[in-house]
Amino acid sequence: MKTEFMVALTQLSAEKHLPKEVVLRAIEAALVSAYKKEAFAAGQDISAKINPLTGEVKVYVKKTVVEEPTDPVHEISLAEAQQIDRNAQVGSIVSIESTPPNAGRIAAQTARQVILQRLHEAEHNAIFEEFTGKEDDIVTGIVQRITPEQIYVDLGKAEAILPGSEQVRNERYRVGQRLKFYLVDVSKTSRGPQIVVSRAHPNLLRRLFELEIPEISSGTIEIKSIAREAGYRSKVAVATRQDGIDPVGCCVGLRGIRIQNVVNELNGEKIDVVEWADDAAVFIANALSPAQVSHVELDEAENTAIVAVPDKQLSLAIGREGQNARLAAKLTGWRIDIKSTSVIEAEKAAAAKEVTEVQEVAVEAEELAPEVATVEEPVSPAAVSEEVLPVQPEVAAEEVAGATATPTDYELVLASGTPASAKSAEVAHIRFAEDILPARLDKSKKKKGSRRETELETKGKPKKARPKWETYPEEEEFEE
């Protein structure tokens, strides 16, 4: 009996990946549930104990010590309690052995169900405790099932899910494929622990670097920041904590062997390793690699950087659909505006021209300022009239006497304020439309000679006989 019990206990512990003590506690709880329904009254406090060496099972009932018991199910007298335990006193609890001789079929089924339930709970707790410590870490799993919503991954002791949001768009998963995943979250549910993994998280790249590069795992090289577009391209900024070590060279490895292992694990995703710098301008220039940067202008107030690159490097700096510039902005945390050197020079020339024009206008305004500031003496109306109107010539008395009542040019000038010479010049230059435009034809007159009118006039009239041949006198003489 002892040997069989120990063998079964060991086998069950190995299958469930649980310690023997946990399995024993589950069996004891199952026995309590089974005996409660058959051998004991409802509400009694019972417990079961199993000897791990012999496998012997004992069931105990707990009762309260009183002087005169009124409820024999829950109470025991002091005299009876002292027979079991000499140190028993009134108010203490005494455990009395009441092991039933055997259990029935229903009790056995109940015990079996309770054992399985308790083992499942213990297994789930063990899995939760194990994977809770592995959060933000990398795990290896095998694709087990594929559904439209998510993918189920077998992690050995547990099953994880890979949601659609954590999948890489250009990756194709198949059943039985072994991959590395980033453990995102572990939570408890009614069905057990729920483990969520990811293939698109930026920290997956960080953990892969730590696995492949010993300098990063030891702390000699530090990963400062990561910018990733899963499945397409990533940028990693690294810095060294020890002088004389090239951080980029250590990450790339001899002939790129180290970085190639990471690329193969990510199914060909391109990875750019750049050197981190304290100077923001230098760091931004490094982040835009492989493009060459001419110079960088920083605007710390708006957290913006204007980057000048050669004309031939503009498309390389921006990248396909702006990918290189977008990743550089994520990596550095700056808003980057990329322009070619020719455009920047043209903008500077235009700005300099505007400044020059403004300065010229300012100088002209300063020169004209004294003239405008001086105030002339007020001019009398008589002086204005003398300046505007010409001096009236002396007119003979005979001409004045013989003048008609019609206003003269000079009077018209006095009335309108225009000099007489200008008024006479205007009168002399006036021309009428009839003098300028050619004479128009009278529309009332019909045009003669049109083909249609000729046909209408000649229609119905007899045709004239053709004239005979007339000879000229010269011809007659020649005939003679």
Protein backbone atom coordinates (compact mmCIF):
# COMPACT_ATOMS: atom_id res chain seq x y z
CA MET A 1 0.00 0.00 0.00
CA LYS A 2 2.82 2.34 0.89
CA THR A 3 4.70 1.60 -2.33
CA GLU A 4 1.66 1.99 -4.59
CA PHE A 5 0.66 5.26 -2.96
CA MET A 6 4.13 6.77 -3.28
CA VAL A 7 4.44 5.69 -6.93
CA ALA A 8 1.09 7.24 -7.79
CA LEU A 9 1.95 10.40 -5.91
CA THR A 10 5.29 10.74 -7.70
CA GLN A 11 3.77 10.08 -11.11
CA LEU A 12 1.00 12.61 -10.60
CA SER A 13 3.49 15.24 -9.44
CA ALA A 14 5.62 14.69 -12.54
CA GLU A 15 2.68 14.91 -14.96
CA LYS A 16 1.32 18.11 -13.49
CA HIS A 17 4.75 19.64 -12.88
CA LEU A 18 3.79 20.18 -9.25
CA PRO A 19 5.61 19.40 -5.99
CA LYS A 20 4.42 16.42 -3.91
CA GLU A 21 3.25 18.63 -1.05
CA VAL A 22 0.80 20.41 -3.37
CA VAL A 23 -0.59 17.08 -4.59
CA LEU A 24 -1.03 15.85 -0.99
CA ARG A 25 -2.94 19.00 -0.02
CA ALA A 26 -5.25 18.49 -3.02
CA ILE A 27 -5.95 14.86 -2.06
CA GLU A 28 -6.66 15.82 1.55
CA ALA A 29 -9.16 18.49 0.43
CA ALA A 30 -10.84 15.93 -1.81
CA LEU A 31 -11.20 13.46 1.07
CA VAL A 32 -12.77 16.13 3.26
CA SER A 33 -15.36 16.90 0.57
CA ALA A 34 -16.11 13.20 0.09
CA TYR A 35 -16.53 12.31 3.79
CA LYS A 36 -18.62 15.41 4.55
CA LYS A 37 -21.43 14.15 2.35
CA GLU A 38 -21.53 10.60 3.72
CA ALA A 39 -20.10 10.17 7.22
CA PHE A 40 -20.57 13.50 8.93
CA ALA A 41 -23.39 15.90 9.65
CA ALA A 42 -23.72 19.18 7.80
CA GLY A 43 -21.79 22.01 9.33
CA GLN A 44 -19.19 19.88 11.10
CA ASP A 45 -15.61 21.10 10.89
CA ILE A 46 -13.50 18.16 9.67
CA SER A 47 -10.00 17.77 8.27
CA ALA A 48 -8.02 14.96 6.70
CA LYS A 49 -4.35 14.06 7.07
CA ILE A 50 -2.31 11.73 4.87
CA ASN A 51 0.99 10.29 6.01
CA PRO A 52 3.44 10.89 3.10
CA LEU A 53 5.50 7.85 4.11
CA THR A 54 2.82 5.24 4.69
CA GLY A 55 -0.12 6.74 2.82
CA GLU A 56 -2.41 6.25 5.82
CA VAL A 57 -5.48 8.51 5.86
CA LYS A 58 -7.01 9.88 9.07
CA VAL A 59 -10.02 12.15 9.41
CA TYR A 60 -10.46 14.47 12.38
CA VAL A 61 -13.50 16.34 13.70
CA LYS A 62 -13.00 19.64 15.52
CA LYS A 63 -15.15 20.40 18.58
CA THR A 64 -15.25 23.16 21.19
CA VAL A 65 -14.61 22.24 24.88
CA VAL A 66 -17.41 23.24 27.26
CA GLU A 67 -18.40 22.17 30.80
CA GLU A 68 -21.87 21.00 29.87
CA PRO A 69 -22.29 20.40 26.09
CA THR A 70 -25.69 21.28 24.63
CA ASP A 71 -24.78 20.56 20.97
CA PRO A 72 -22.93 17.22 20.77
CA VAL A 73 -22.17 17.77 17.09
CA HIS A 74 -20.03 20.86 17.72
CA GLU A 75 -19.25 20.67 21.48
CA ILE A 76 -17.51 18.26 23.88
CA SER A 77 -17.33 18.11 27.66
CA LEU A 78 -14.16 19.03 29.54
CA ALA A 79 -13.72 15.53 30.96
CA GLU A 80 -13.88 13.88 27.54
CA ALA A 81 -11.56 16.50 26.04
CA GLN A 82 -8.93 15.94 28.73
CA GLN A 83 -8.94 12.21 27.94
CA ILE A 84 -7.87 13.11 24.42
CA ASP A 85 -5.64 16.04 25.32
CA ARG A 86 -4.50 16.61 28.88
CA ASN A 87 -3.95 20.32 28.27
CA ALA A 88 -7.51 20.89 27.10
CA GLN A 89 -9.41 23.70 28.79
CA VAL A 90 -12.86 25.22 28.50
CA GLY A 91 -13.10 27.20 25.25
CA SER A 92 -10.31 25.41 23.41
CA ILE A 93 -10.76 23.30 20.26
CA VAL A 94 -9.96 19.62 20.24
CA SER A 95 -9.48 17.42 17.16
CA ILE A 96 -11.14 14.02 17.53
CA GLU A 97 -10.25 11.22 15.14
CA SER A 98 -13.34 9.92 13.35
CA THR A 99 -12.05 8.12 10.27
CA PRO A 100 -14.87 6.29 8.47
CA PRO A 101 -14.23 2.63 7.68
CA ASN A 102 -14.74 3.12 3.89
CA ALA A 103 -16.27 5.48 1.36
CA GLY A 104 -19.03 4.78 -1.08
CA ARG A 105 -19.15 5.19 -4.87
CA ILE A 106 -20.54 8.72 -4.72
CA ALA A 107 -17.91 9.79 -2.24
CA ALA A 108 -15.19 8.36 -4.49
CA GLN A 109 -16.49 10.26 -7.53
CA THR A 110 -16.70 13.45 -5.50
CA ALA A 111 -13.15 12.95 -4.29
CA ARG A 112 -11.95 12.39 -7.86
CA GLN A 113 -13.57 15.58 -9.15
CA VAL A 114 -12.23 17.61 -6.25
CA ILE A 115 -8.74 16.21 -6.75
CA LEU A 116 -8.76 17.16 -10.44
CA GLN A 117 -10.13 20.61 -9.69
CA ARG A 118 -7.60 21.30 -6.99
CA LEU A 119 -4.78 20.06 -9.19
CA HIS A 120 -5.91 22.36 -12.02
CA GLU A 121 -6.00 25.31 -9.67
CA ALA A 122 -2.58 24.47 -8.31
CA GLU A 123 -1.24 24.07 -11.83
CA HIS A 124 -2.68 27.42 -12.93
CA ASN A 125 -1.22 29.14 -9.89
CA ALA A 126 2.16 27.62 -10.58
CA ILE A 127 2.04 28.75 -14.23
CA PHE A 128 0.96 32.23 -13.25
CA GLU A 129 3.77 32.58 -10.73
CA GLU A 130 6.31 31.26 -13.20
CA PHE A 131 5.39 33.51 -16.14
CA THR A 132 4.71 36.57 -14.01
CA GLY A 133 8.43 36.69 -13.35
CA LYS A 134 9.12 36.47 -17.11
CA GLU A 135 7.16 39.55 -18.14
CA ASP A 136 9.13 41.89 -20.44
CA ASP A 137 11.28 38.92 -21.37
CA ILE A 138 11.68 36.71 -24.42
CA VAL A 139 10.19 33.21 -24.66
CA THR A 140 10.30 30.46 -27.27
CA GLY A 141 7.11 28.83 -28.48
CA ILE A 142 5.60 26.71 -31.24
CA VAL A 143 2.60 27.83 -33.30
CA GLN A 144 -0.21 25.46 -32.34
CA ARG A 145 -3.42 26.83 -33.85
CA ILE A 146 -4.20 29.69 -36.23
CA THR A 147 -7.52 31.54 -36.20
CA PRO A 148 -8.54 34.80 -37.93
CA GLU A 149 -8.55 36.66 -34.60
CA GLN A 150 -5.41 35.29 -32.94
CA ILE A 151 -2.75 32.59 -32.95
CA TYR A 152 -2.28 30.07 -30.14
CA VAL A 153 1.30 29.37 -29.16
CA ASP A 154 2.51 26.43 -27.10
CA LEU A 155 5.07 27.53 -24.53
CA GLY A 156 5.52 24.05 -23.05
CA LYS A 157 3.85 24.42 -19.67
CA ALA A 158 1.23 26.90 -20.85
CA GLU A 159 -0.56 28.17 -23.92
CA ALA A 160 -0.17 31.78 -24.99
CA ILE A 161 -2.09 33.89 -27.51
CA LEU A 162 -0.67 36.14 -30.21
CA PRO A 163 -3.34 38.80 -31.03
CA GLY A 164 -3.64 40.33 -34.47
CA SER A 165 -2.39 43.70 -33.19
CA GLU A 166 0.87 42.07 -32.04
CA GLN A 167 1.53 40.23 -35.30
CA VAL A 168 3.88 41.41 -38.05
CA ARG A 169 2.03 42.20 -41.26
CA ASN A 170 4.48 40.70 -43.70
CA GLU A 171 5.12 37.53 -41.67
CA ARG A 172 3.40 34.27 -42.61
CA TYR A 173 2.82 31.89 -39.70
CA ARG A 174 2.33 28.14 -40.01
CA VAL A 175 1.49 25.37 -37.57
CA GLY A 176 4.59 23.85 -36.02
CA GLN A 177 6.76 26.90 -36.59
CA ARG A 178 9.17 27.67 -33.74
CA LEU A 179 9.62 31.38 -33.03
CA LYS A 180 10.78 33.72 -30.30
CA PHE A 181 8.15 35.96 -28.73
CA TYR A 182 8.12 38.90 -26.37
CA LEU A 183 6.03 38.28 -23.24
CA VAL A 184 3.71 41.27 -22.93
CA ASP A 185 1.22 40.45 -20.17
CA VAL A 186 0.18 37.66 -17.77
CA SER A 187 -3.24 37.88 -16.08
CA LYS A 188 -5.58 35.62 -14.14
CA THR A 189 -8.95 34.59 -15.61
CA SER A 190 -11.66 32.09 -14.73
CA ARG A 191 -10.09 29.62 -17.15
CA GLY A 192 -6.62 30.05 -15.82
CA PRO A 193 -3.76 32.42 -16.56
CA GLN A 194 -3.88 34.31 -19.85
CA ILE A 195 -0.49 34.92 -21.46
CA VAL A 196 -0.17 37.49 -24.25
CA VAL A 197 2.93 37.47 -26.47
CA SER A 198 4.08 39.76 -29.28
CA ARG A 199 6.21 39.71 -32.41
CA ALA A 200 5.90 43.43 -33.18
CA HIS A 201 7.01 44.95 -29.85
CA PRO A 202 10.21 47.09 -29.96
CA ASN A 203 11.54 45.36 -26.85
CA LEU A 204 11.70 42.08 -28.77
CA LEU A 205 14.57 43.63 -30.71
CA ARG A 206 16.21 44.72 -27.45
CA ARG A 207 16.04 41.17 -26.00
CA LEU A 208 17.40 39.65 -29.20
CA PHE A 209 20.35 42.03 -29.04
CA GLU A 210 20.99 40.99 -25.45
CA LEU A 211 20.97 37.31 -26.47
CA GLU A 212 23.29 37.71 -29.44
CA ILE A 213 25.72 40.38 -28.17
CA PRO A 214 27.61 39.60 -24.95
CA GLU A 215 28.72 43.22 -24.46
CA ILE A 216 25.09 44.33 -24.15
CA SER A 217 24.14 41.56 -21.72
CA SER A 218 27.20 42.35 -19.56
CA GLY A 219 26.45 46.09 -19.55
CA THR A 220 29.52 47.30 -21.45
CA ILE A 221 27.30 48.60 -24.24
CA GLU A 222 23.93 50.19 -23.53
CA ILE A 223 20.93 50.43 -25.84
CA LYS A 224 19.71 54.03 -25.50
CA SER A 225 16.63 53.99 -27.73
CA ILE A 226 14.86 51.88 -30.34
CA ALA A 227 12.57 52.89 -33.19
CA ARG A 228 10.87 50.05 -35.03
CA GLU A 229 8.40 49.50 -37.83
CA ALA A 230 7.88 45.79 -37.42
CA GLY A 231 8.70 43.74 -40.47
CA TYR A 232 10.25 46.57 -42.47
CA ARG A 233 13.00 48.55 -40.75
CA SER A 234 14.37 49.42 -37.31
CA LYS A 235 16.93 51.80 -35.84
CA VAL A 236 18.90 51.13 -32.65
CA ALA A 237 21.00 53.77 -30.85
CA VAL A 238 23.84 52.32 -28.75
CA ALA A 239 26.47 53.87 -26.51
CA THR A 240 29.53 52.47 -24.76
CA ARG A 241 30.35 52.73 -21.07
CA GLN A 242 34.01 51.90 -21.53
CA ASP A 243 36.60 53.86 -23.47
CA GLY A 244 38.17 52.25 -26.50
CA ILE A 245 35.14 50.17 -27.51
CA ASP A 246 33.25 50.74 -30.73
CA PRO A 247 29.57 50.16 -29.87
CA VAL A 248 28.41 49.92 -33.48
CA GLY A 249 31.18 47.50 -34.42
CA CYS A 250 30.41 45.24 -31.45
CA CYS A 251 26.74 45.07 -32.39
CA VAL A 252 27.40 44.38 -36.06
CA GLY A 253 30.13 41.84 -35.43
CA LEU A 254 32.76 40.43 -37.75
CA ARG A 255 31.34 40.55 -41.29
CA GLY A 256 27.95 41.27 -39.75
CA ILE A 257 27.59 37.82 -38.17
CA ARG A 258 25.95 39.12 -34.97
CA ILE A 259 23.44 41.41 -36.55
CA GLN A 260 22.64 38.79 -39.19
CA ASN A 261 21.37 36.37 -36.54
CA VAL A 262 18.94 39.01 -35.29
CA VAL A 263 17.83 39.78 -38.87
CA ASN A 264 17.20 36.09 -39.56
CA GLU A 265 15.09 35.76 -36.40
CA LEU A 266 12.98 38.75 -37.58
CA ASN A 267 12.57 37.29 -41.09
CA GLY A 268 14.79 39.77 -42.93
CA GLU A 269 13.84 43.00 -41.19
CA LYS A 270 16.43 45.73 -41.89
CA ILE A 271 18.25 47.03 -38.81
CA ASP A 272 20.36 50.23 -38.63
CA VAL A 273 22.71 50.49 -35.66
CA VAL A 274 23.77 54.11 -34.96
CA GLU A 275 25.95 55.65 -32.29
CA TRP A 276 24.28 57.69 -29.60
CA ALA A 277 25.71 61.15 -28.76
CA ASP A 278 25.12 63.73 -26.04
CA ASP A 279 24.99 66.50 -28.65
CA ALA A 280 21.52 66.49 -30.19
CA ALA A 281 22.77 67.76 -33.57
CA VAL A 282 25.33 64.95 -33.85
CA PHE A 283 22.79 62.36 -32.72
CA ILE A 284 20.27 63.53 -35.33
CA ALA A 285 22.93 63.38 -38.04
CA ASN A 286 23.81 59.81 -36.98
CA ALA A 287 20.17 58.79 -36.85
CA LEU A 288 19.64 59.77 -40.51
CA SER A 289 22.31 57.33 -41.69
CA PRO A 290 23.09 56.05 -44.29
CA ALA A 291 22.43 59.57 -45.63
CA GLN A 292 25.18 62.21 -45.24
CA VAL A 293 24.17 65.38 -43.41
CA SER A 294 25.73 68.79 -44.16
CA HIS A 295 24.62 70.62 -41.02
CA VAL A 296 21.83 70.67 -38.43
CA GLU A 297 20.03 73.70 -36.97
CA LEU A 298 18.15 73.18 -33.69
CA ASP A 299 15.15 75.07 -32.36
CA GLU A 300 14.91 73.97 -28.74
CA ALA A 301 11.82 76.09 -28.07
CA GLU A 302 9.74 74.09 -30.56
CA ASN A 303 11.86 70.91 -30.37
CA THR A 304 12.47 71.09 -34.12
CA ALA A 305 15.61 70.37 -36.13
CA ILE A 306 16.25 71.63 -39.68
CA VAL A 307 18.64 69.24 -41.42
CA ALA A 308 20.50 70.18 -44.61
CA VAL A 309 21.63 67.36 -46.89
CA PRO A 310 23.20 67.39 -50.36
CA ASP A 311 20.79 67.36 -53.27
CA LYS A 312 21.80 63.83 -54.25
CA GLN A 313 21.25 62.57 -50.68
CA LEU A 314 17.77 64.07 -50.20
CA SER A 315 15.79 60.98 -51.28
CA LEU A 316 18.07 58.71 -49.23
CA ALA A 317 17.63 60.86 -46.12
CA ILE A 318 13.85 60.89 -46.43
CA GLY A 319 13.61 57.20 -47.29
CA ARG A 320 10.88 55.24 -48.95
CA GLU A 321 7.55 56.87 -48.09
CA GLY A 322 9.41 58.93 -45.47
CA GLN A 323 10.43 55.86 -43.47
CA ASN A 324 14.02 56.88 -42.71
CA ALA A 325 13.04 60.35 -41.51
CA ARG A 326 10.13 58.97 -39.49
CA LEU A 327 12.31 56.41 -37.69
CA ALA A 328 14.99 59.03 -37.02
CA ALA A 329 12.39 61.30 -35.44
CA LYS A 330 11.16 58.46 -33.19
CA LEU A 331 14.71 57.52 -32.26
CA THR A 332 15.85 61.03 -31.32
CA GLY A 333 12.59 62.50 -30.05
CA TRP A 334 13.02 65.60 -32.26
CA ARG A 335 10.81 66.85 -35.04
CA ILE A 336 13.05 66.71 -38.12
CA ASP A 337 12.62 68.88 -41.24
CA ILE A 338 14.91 67.73 -44.07
CA LYS A 339 15.86 70.15 -46.85
CA SER A 340 18.43 70.12 -49.62
CA THR A 341 21.37 72.55 -49.54
CA SER A 342 20.21 74.31 -52.72
CA VAL A 343 16.79 75.02 -51.20
CA ILE A 344 18.34 76.35 -47.99
CA GLU A 345 20.72 78.60 -49.96
CA ALA A 346 17.81 79.92 -52.03
CA GLU A 347 15.83 80.64 -48.87
CA LYS A 348 18.80 82.43 -47.33
CA ALA A 349 19.31 84.52 -50.49
CA ALA A 350 15.61 85.46 -50.54
CA ALA A 351 15.72 86.37 -46.87
CA ALA A 352 18.87 88.48 -47.39
CA LYS A 353 17.20 90.25 -50.32
CA GLU A 354 14.16 91.06 -48.22
CA VAL A 355 16.37 92.41 -45.45
CA THR A 356 18.25 94.58 -47.94
CA GLU A 357 15.00 95.98 -49.37
CA VAL A 358 13.72 96.73 -45.89
CA GLN A 359 16.95 98.52 -45.04
CA GLU A 360 16.78 100.60 -48.24
CA VAL A 361 13.19 101.58 -47.50
CA ALA A 362 14.21 102.54 -43.98
CA VAL A 363 17.06 104.71 -45.29
CA GLU A 364 14.75 106.47 -47.77
CA ALA A 365 12.26 107.10 -45.00
CA GLU A 366 14.99 108.60 -42.83
CA GLU A 367 16.08 110.89 -45.69
CA LEU A 368 12.52 112.09 -46.34
CA ALA A 369 11.70 112.49 -42.69
CA PRO A 370 13.19 116.06 -42.27
CA GLU A 371 11.34 117.38 -45.35
CA VAL A 372 8.04 116.04 -44.13
CA ALA A 373 8.67 117.28 -40.62
CA THR A 374 9.19 120.96 -41.72
CA VAL A 375 5.98 123.01 -41.70
CA GLU A 376 5.64 125.76 -44.32
CA GLU A 377 4.00 129.11 -43.66
CA PRO A 378 0.28 129.26 -44.36
CA VAL A 379 -0.57 130.48 -47.84
CA SER A 380 -3.36 133.01 -48.36
CA PRO A 381 -6.20 132.33 -50.83
CA ALA A 382 -5.17 135.38 -52.84
CA ALA A 383 -1.74 133.96 -53.44
CA VAL A 384 -3.22 130.63 -54.53
CA SER A 385 -5.51 132.31 -57.01
CA GLU A 386 -2.59 134.29 -58.39
CA GLU A 387 -0.59 131.14 -58.91
CA VAL A 388 -3.48 129.22 -60.48
CA LEU A 389 -4.99 131.90 -62.69
CA PRO A 390 -2.93 133.70 -65.36
CA VAL A 391 -2.56 137.42 -65.27
CA GLN A 392 -5.37 139.11 -67.23
CA PRO A 393 -4.01 141.17 -70.12
CA GLU A 394 -5.12 144.70 -70.74
CA VAL A 395 -8.10 144.92 -73.08
CA ALA A 396 -8.89 147.98 -75.25
CA ALA A 397 -12.09 149.84 -74.61
CA GLU A 398 -13.21 149.31 -78.22
CA GLU A 399 -12.97 145.56 -77.87
CA VAL A 400 -14.89 145.61 -74.61
CA ALA A 401 -17.60 147.77 -76.11
CA GLY A 402 -17.95 145.54 -79.15
CA ALA A 403 -18.06 142.33 -77.13
CA THR A 404 -21.18 140.22 -77.29
CA ALA A 405 -23.19 138.95 -74.36
CA THR A 406 -21.85 135.40 -74.81
CA PRO A 407 -19.19 134.33 -72.28
CA THR A 408 -15.64 134.49 -73.48
CA ASP A 409 -12.94 131.85 -73.02
CA TYR A 410 -11.45 133.89 -70.24
CA GLU A 411 -14.77 133.98 -68.38
CA LEU A 412 -15.09 130.24 -68.79
CA VAL A 413 -11.63 129.86 -67.31
CA LEU A 414 -12.59 132.02 -64.34
CA ALA A 415 -15.66 129.87 -63.79
CA SER A 416 -13.93 126.48 -64.12
CA GLY A 417 -10.43 127.29 -62.85
CA THR A 418 -8.73 125.98 -66.05
CA PRO A 419 -6.33 128.15 -68.05
CA ALA A 420 -7.65 129.55 -71.30
CA SER A 421 -4.92 128.04 -73.39
CA ALA A 422 -5.76 124.54 -72.13
CA LYS A 423 -9.48 125.13 -72.68
CA SER A 424 -8.99 126.29 -76.24
CA ALA A 425 -6.71 123.32 -76.90
CA GLU A 426 -9.42 120.97 -75.73
CA VAL A 427 -11.99 122.64 -77.99
CA ALA A 428 -9.63 122.44 -80.94
CA HIS A 429 -9.00 118.73 -80.50
CA ILE A 430 -12.68 117.67 -80.23
CA ARG A 431 -13.74 115.47 -83.19
CA PHE A 432 -17.06 113.91 -84.01
CA ALA A 433 -17.71 110.24 -84.74
CA GLU A 434 -18.75 111.06 -88.31
CA ASP A 435 -15.33 112.55 -88.91
CA ILE A 436 -13.53 109.48 -87.64
CA LEU A 437 -15.60 106.47 -88.73
CA PRO A 438 -16.03 105.66 -92.46
CA ALA A 439 -19.39 106.27 -94.07
CA ARG A 440 -21.82 103.40 -93.52
CA LEU A 441 -23.86 101.89 -96.25
CA ASP A 442 -27.59 102.38 -96.22
CA LYS A 443 -29.13 99.13 -95.04
CA SER A 444 -32.42 99.98 -96.76
CA LYS A 445 -30.76 99.58 -100.15
CA LYS A 446 -30.66 96.03 -101.32
CA LYS A 447 -27.58 94.55 -102.82
CA LYS A 448 -27.95 94.04 -106.48
CA GLY A 449 -26.31 91.41 -108.50
CA SER A 450 -26.72 88.50 -106.16
CA ARG A 451 -27.22 85.14 -107.77
CA ARG A 452 -30.59 84.45 -106.15
CA GLU A 453 -32.10 87.81 -107.17
CA THR A 454 -30.82 87.42 -110.72
CA GLU A 455 -32.46 84.03 -111.02
CA LEU A 456 -35.79 85.37 -109.71
CA GLU A 457 -35.77 88.33 -112.13
CA THR A 458 -34.90 86.29 -115.19
CA LYS A 459 -37.33 83.46 -114.39
CA GLY A 460 -40.25 83.37 -116.81
CA LYS A 461 -38.77 85.88 -119.32
CA PRO A 462 -37.96 84.79 -122.88
CA LYS A 463 -34.38 84.35 -123.67
CA LYS A 464 -32.85 86.78 -126.16
CA ALA A 465 -31.52 85.47 -129.42
CA ARG A 466 -27.84 85.21 -129.67
CA PRO A 467 -26.39 88.01 -131.89
CA LYS A 468 -24.98 87.04 -135.15
CA TRP A 469 -21.33 87.20 -135.84
CA GLU A 470 -20.33 90.68 -136.59
CA THR A 471 -17.26 91.33 -138.61
CA TYR A 472 -15.04 94.29 -138.31
CA PRO A 473 -14.10 96.45 -141.27
CA GLU A 474 -10.55 95.32 -141.03
CA GLU A 475 -11.63 91.73 -141.50
CA GLU A 476 -13.66 92.59 -144.60
CA GLU A 477 -10.75 94.31 -146.16
CA PHE A 478 -8.57 91.34 -145.47
CA GLU A 479 -11.09 89.04 -147.09
CA GLU A 480 -11.07 91.17 -150.30
